[in-house]
Amino acid sequence: MYYKLLNRTGEKIPEIGLGTWGIGGATSADLTADEAFVAAIKNAIEAGMKLIDTA
């Protein structure tokens, strides 16, 4: 995994992360694919993903 420095903090963050913005519905609730989304997040973590953007 490759990391980048976070500005002047000295902290390193992974270059690649998982974005979760559309999970659960982008602009209105849509829970129809929740099982698939949860499985995708679990798989990402098991594969070593350390940066998950939940903003």
PDB file of N, CA and C in Angstrom:
ATOM      1  N   MET A   1       0.845  -1.173   0.000  1.00  0.00           N
ATOM      2  CA  MET A   1       0.000   0.000   0.000  1.00  0.00           C
ATOM      3  C   MET A   1       0.890   1.236   0.000  1.00  0.00           C
ATOM      4  N   TYR A   2       0.481   2.223  -0.759  1.00  0.00           N
ATOM      5  CA  TYR A   2       1.226   3.473  -0.845  1.00  0.00           C
ATOM      6  C   TYR A   2       0.548   4.531   0.023  1.00  0.00           C
ATOM      7  N   TYR A   3       1.370   5.369   0.652  1.00  0.00           N
ATOM      8  CA  TYR A   3       0.864   6.395   1.551  1.00  0.00           C
ATOM      9  C   TYR A   3       1.348   7.768   1.116  1.00  0.00           C
ATOM     10  N   LYS A   4       0.621   8.795   1.524  1.00  0.00           N
ATOM     11  CA  LYS A   4       1.009  10.183   1.303  1.00  0.00           C
ATOM     12  C   LYS A   4       0.996  10.904   2.639  1.00  0.00           C
ATOM     13  N   LEU A   5       1.829  11.931   2.753  1.00  0.00           N
ATOM     14  CA  LEU A   5       1.838  12.749   3.960  1.00  0.00           C
ATOM     15  C   LEU A   5       0.630  13.677   3.958  1.00  0.00           C
ATOM     16  N   LEU A   6       0.005  13.825   5.111  1.00  0.00           N
ATOM     17  CA  LEU A   6      -1.151  14.695   5.253  1.00  0.00           C
ATOM     18  C   LEU A   6      -0.665  16.075   5.673  1.00  0.00           C
ATOM     19  N   ASN A   7      -0.502  16.933   4.674  1.00  0.00           N
ATOM     20  CA  ASN A   7      -0.012  18.299   4.881  1.00  0.00           C
ATOM     21  C   ASN A   7       1.186  18.325   5.813  1.00  0.00           C
ATOM     22  N   ARG A   8       1.180  19.189   6.781  1.00  0.00           N
ATOM     23  CA  ARG A   8       2.328  19.319   7.684  1.00  0.00           C
ATOM     24  C   ARG A   8       2.140  18.562   8.993  1.00  0.00           C
ATOM     25  N   THR A   9       1.166  17.676   9.066  1.00  0.00           N
ATOM     26  CA  THR A   9       0.897  16.965  10.318  1.00  0.00           C
ATOM     27  C   THR A   9       1.890  15.851  10.583  1.00  0.00           C
ATOM     28  N   GLY A  10       2.529  15.366   9.524  1.00  0.00           N
ATOM     29  CA  GLY A  10       3.429  14.237   9.663  1.00  0.00           C
ATOM     30  C   GLY A  10       2.699  12.898   9.586  1.00  0.00           C
ATOM     31  N   GLU A  11       1.366  12.950   9.564  1.00  0.00           N
ATOM     32  CA  GLU A  11       0.572  11.728   9.465  1.00  0.00           C
ATOM     33  C   GLU A  11       0.574  11.215   8.032  1.00  0.00           C
ATOM     34  N   LYS A  12       0.569   9.906   7.885  1.00  0.00           N
ATOM     35  CA  LYS A  12       0.504   9.282   6.571  1.00  0.00           C
ATOM     36  C   LYS A  12      -0.885   8.667   6.388  1.00  0.00           C
ATOM     37  N   ILE A  13      -1.453   8.882   5.197  1.00  0.00           N
ATOM     38  CA  ILE A  13      -2.748   8.285   4.877  1.00  0.00           C
ATOM     39  C   ILE A  13      -2.607   7.504   3.574  1.00  0.00           C
ATOM     40  N   PRO A  14      -3.409   6.458   3.396  1.00  0.00           N
ATOM     41  CA  PRO A  14      -3.335   5.679   2.157  1.00  0.00           C
ATOM     42  C   PRO A  14      -3.696   6.535   0.943  1.00  0.00           C
ATOM     43  N   GLU A  15      -3.038   6.258  -0.184  1.00  0.00           N
ATOM     44  CA  GLU A  15      -3.335   6.987  -1.419  1.00  0.00           C
ATOM     45  C   GLU A  15      -4.702   6.613  -1.972  1.00  0.00           C
ATOM     46  N   ILE A  16      -5.174   5.413  -1.700  1.00  0.00           N
ATOM     47  CA  ILE A  16      -6.434   4.936  -2.240  1.00  0.00           C
ATOM     48  C   ILE A  16      -7.398   4.651  -1.092  1.00  0.00           C
ATOM     49  N   GLY A  17      -8.631   5.097  -1.253  1.00  0.00           N
ATOM     50  CA  GLY A  17      -9.636   4.859  -0.229  1.00  0.00           C
ATOM     51  C   GLY A  17     -10.952   4.432  -0.861  1.00  0.00           C
ATOM     52  N   LEU A  18     -11.889   4.107  -0.006  1.00  0.00           N
ATOM     53  CA  LEU A  18     -13.217   3.691  -0.437  1.00  0.00           C
ATOM     54  C   LEU A  18     -14.200   4.807  -0.132  1.00  0.00           C
ATOM     55  N   GLY A  19     -14.847   5.331  -1.155  1.00  0.00           N
ATOM     56  CA  GLY A  19     -15.868   6.358  -0.966  1.00  0.00           C
ATOM     57  C   GLY A  19     -17.227   5.705  -0.767  1.00  0.00           C
ATOM     58  N   THR A  20     -18.008   6.227   0.177  1.00  0.00           N
ATOM     59  CA  THR A  20     -19.289   5.599   0.502  1.00  0.00           C
ATOM     60  C   THR A  20     -20.463   6.551   0.334  1.00  0.00           C
ATOM     61  N   TRP A  21     -20.303   7.637  -0.380  1.00  0.00           N
ATOM     62  CA  TRP A  21     -21.313   8.684  -0.449  1.00  0.00           C
ATOM     63  C   TRP A  21     -22.686   8.168  -0.882  1.00  0.00           C
ATOM     64  N   GLY A  22     -22.777   7.346  -1.890  1.00  0.00           N
ATOM     65  CA  GLY A  22     -24.065   6.923  -2.409  1.00  0.00           C
ATOM     66  C   GLY A  22     -24.711   5.769  -1.676  1.00  0.00           C
ATOM     67  N   ILE A  23     -24.022   5.208  -0.702  1.00  0.00           N
ATOM     68  CA  ILE A  23     -24.563   4.051   0.007  1.00  0.00           C
ATOM     69  C   ILE A  23     -25.782   4.483   0.829  1.00  0.00           C
ATOM     70  N   GLY A  24     -26.853   3.741   0.706  1.00  0.00           N
ATOM     71  CA  GLY A  24     -28.083   4.058   1.427  1.00  0.00           C
ATOM     72  C   GLY A  24     -28.951   5.065   0.714  1.00  0.00           C
ATOM     73  N   GLY A  25     -28.543   5.453  -0.490  1.00  0.00           N
ATOM     74  CA  GLY A  25     -29.287   6.447  -1.264  1.00  0.00           C
ATOM     75  C   GLY A  25     -28.533   7.755  -1.285  1.00  0.00           C
ATOM     76  N   ALA A  26     -28.330   8.297  -2.456  1.00  0.00           N
ATOM     77  CA  ALA A  26     -27.541   9.526  -2.586  1.00  0.00           C
ATOM     78  C   ALA A  26     -28.298  10.743  -2.071  1.00  0.00           C
ATOM     79  N   THR A  27     -29.495  10.968  -2.560  1.00  0.00           N
ATOM     80  CA  THR A  27     -30.250  12.155  -2.152  1.00  0.00           C
ATOM     81  C   THR A  27     -31.525  11.807  -1.401  1.00  0.00           C
ATOM     82  N   SER A  28     -31.934  10.543  -1.459  1.00  0.00           N
ATOM     83  CA  SER A  28     -33.077  10.071  -0.673  1.00  0.00           C
ATOM     84  C   SER A  28     -32.819   8.616  -0.293  1.00  0.00           C
ATOM     85  N   ALA A  29     -33.451   8.168   0.767  1.00  0.00           N
ATOM     86  CA  ALA A  29     -33.197   6.819   1.282  1.00  0.00           C
ATOM     87  C   ALA A  29     -33.519   5.743   0.252  1.00  0.00           C
ATOM     88  N   ASP A  30     -32.562   4.836   0.058  1.00  0.00           N
ATOM     89  CA  ASP A  30     -32.748   3.664  -0.801  1.00  0.00           C
ATOM     90  C   ASP A  30     -31.979   2.521  -0.150  1.00  0.00           C
ATOM     91  N   LEU A  31     -32.682   1.683   0.559  1.00  0.00           N
ATOM     92  CA  LEU A  31     -32.046   0.625   1.329  1.00  0.00           C
ATOM     93  C   LEU A  31     -32.046  -0.715   0.605  1.00  0.00           C
ATOM     94  N   THR A  32     -32.390  -0.737  -0.679  1.00  0.00           N
ATOM     95  CA  THR A  32     -32.554  -1.989  -1.417  1.00  0.00           C
ATOM     96  C   THR A  32     -31.246  -2.743  -1.626  1.00  0.00           C
ATOM     97  N   ALA A  33     -30.119  -2.058  -1.615  1.00  0.00           N
ATOM     98  CA  ALA A  33     -28.843  -2.716  -1.882  1.00  0.00           C
ATOM     99  C   ALA A  33     -27.942  -2.772  -0.648  1.00  0.00           C
ATOM    100  N   ASP A  34     -28.515  -2.589   0.527  1.00  0.00           N
ATOM    101  CA  ASP A  34     -27.704  -2.537   1.747  1.00  0.00           C
ATOM    102  C   ASP A  34     -26.825  -3.769   1.950  1.00  0.00           C
ATOM    103  N   GLU A  35     -27.360  -4.954   1.709  1.00  0.00           N
ATOM    104  CA  GLU A  35     -26.560  -6.170   1.911  1.00  0.00           C
ATOM    105  C   GLU A  35     -25.321  -6.166   1.027  1.00  0.00           C
ATOM    106  N   ALA A  36     -25.469  -5.758  -0.215  1.00  0.00           N
ATOM    107  CA  ALA A  36     -24.335  -5.711  -1.140  1.00  0.00           C
ATOM    108  C   ALA A  36     -23.323  -4.661  -0.704  1.00  0.00           C
ATOM    109  N   PHE A  37     -23.802  -3.508  -0.244  1.00  0.00           N
ATOM    110  CA  PHE A  37     -22.892  -2.448   0.200  1.00  0.00           C
ATOM    111  C   PHE A  37     -22.118  -2.860   1.447  1.00  0.00           C
ATOM    112  N   VAL A  38     -22.801  -3.483   2.398  1.00  0.00           N
ATOM    113  CA  VAL A  38     -22.122  -3.955   3.611  1.00  0.00           C
ATOM    114  C   VAL A  38     -21.073  -4.999   3.249  1.00  0.00           C
ATOM    115  N   ALA A  39     -21.410  -5.895   2.334  1.00  0.00           N
ATOM    116  CA  ALA A  39     -20.452  -6.916   1.892  1.00  0.00           C
ATOM    117  C   ALA A  39     -19.243  -6.266   1.223  1.00  0.00           C
ATOM    118  N   ALA A  40     -19.471  -5.231   0.424  1.00  0.00           N
ATOM    119  CA  ALA A  40     -18.363  -4.540  -0.251  1.00  0.00           C
ATOM    120  C   ALA A  40     -17.433  -3.882   0.757  1.00  0.00           C
ATOM    121  N   ILE A  41     -17.998  -3.256   1.780  1.00  0.00           N
ATOM    122  CA  ILE A  41     -17.172  -2.613   2.808  1.00  0.00           C
ATOM    123  C   ILE A  41     -16.384  -3.660   3.583  1.00  0.00           C
ATOM    124  N   LYS A  42     -17.036  -4.760   3.956  1.00  0.00           N
ATOM    125  CA  LYS A  42     -16.330  -5.832   4.662  1.00  0.00           C
ATOM    126  C   LYS A  42     -15.198  -6.398   3.824  1.00  0.00           C
ATOM    127  N   ASN A  43     -15.451  -6.612   2.535  1.00  0.00           N
ATOM    128  CA  ASN A  43     -14.406  -7.122   1.641  1.00  0.00           C
ATOM    129  C   ASN A  43     -13.241  -6.153   1.535  1.00  0.00           C
ATOM    130  N   ALA A  44     -13.542  -4.870   1.465  1.00  0.00           N
ATOM    131  CA  ALA A  44     -12.482  -3.866   1.379  1.00  0.00           C
ATOM    132  C   ALA A  44     -11.608  -3.897   2.629  1.00  0.00           C
ATOM    133  N   ILE A  45     -12.230  -3.995   3.790  1.00  0.00           N
ATOM    134  CA  ILE A  45     -11.471  -4.048   5.048  1.00  0.00           C
ATOM    135  C   ILE A  45     -10.637  -5.315   5.114  1.00  0.00           C
ATOM    136  N   GLU A  46     -11.222  -6.442   4.745  1.00  0.00           N
ATOM    137  CA  GLU A  46     -10.481  -7.710   4.751  1.00  0.00           C
ATOM    138  C   GLU A  46      -9.312  -7.688   3.773  1.00  0.00           C
ATOM    139  N   ALA A  47      -9.445  -6.924   2.693  1.00  0.00           N
ATOM    140  CA  ALA A  47      -8.365  -6.816   1.705  1.00  0.00           C
ATOM    141  C   ALA A  47      -7.285  -5.833   2.128  1.00  0.00           C
ATOM    142  N   GLY A  48      -7.487  -5.147   3.262  1.00  0.00           N
ATOM    143  CA  GLY A  48      -6.469  -4.240   3.773  1.00  0.00           C
ATOM    144  C   GLY A  48      -6.771  -2.769   3.601  1.00  0.00           C
ATOM    145  N   MET A  49      -7.958  -2.416   3.114  1.00  0.00           N
ATOM    146  CA  MET A  49      -8.323  -1.016   2.944  1.00  0.00           C
ATOM    147  C   MET A  49      -8.358  -0.337   4.309  1.00  0.00           C
ATOM    148  N   LYS A  50      -7.694   0.801   4.419  1.00  0.00           N
ATOM    149  CA  LYS A  50      -7.606   1.502   5.702  1.00  0.00           C
ATOM    150  C   LYS A  50      -8.262   2.881   5.665  1.00  0.00           C
ATOM    151  N   LEU A  51      -8.574   3.388   4.482  1.00  0.00           N
ATOM    152  CA  LEU A  51      -9.180   4.704   4.358  1.00  0.00           C
ATOM    153  C   LEU A  51     -10.590   4.542   3.799  1.00  0.00           C
ATOM    154  N   ILE A  52     -11.587   4.803   4.647  1.00  0.00           N
ATOM    155  CA  ILE A  52     -12.986   4.719   4.230  1.00  0.00           C
ATOM    156  C   ILE A  52     -13.600   6.091   4.456  1.00  0.00           C
ATOM    157  N   ASP A  53     -13.961   6.752   3.371  1.00  0.00           N
ATOM    158  CA  ASP A  53     -14.515   8.100   3.419  1.00  0.00           C
ATOM    159  C   ASP A  53     -16.012   8.014   3.619  1.00  0.00           C
ATOM    160  N   THR A  54     -16.485   8.417   4.793  1.00  0.00           N
ATOM    161  CA  THR A  54     -17.912   8.357   5.091  1.00  0.00           C
ATOM    162  C   THR A  54     -18.568   9.719   5.101  1.00  0.00           C
ATOM    163  N   ALA A  55     -17.838  10.757   4.717  1.00  0.00           N
ATOM    164  CA  ALA A  55     -18.405  12.111   4.693  1.00  0.00           C
ATOM    165  C   ALA A  55     -19.479  12.167   3.675  1.00  0.00           C
TER     166      ALA A  55
END
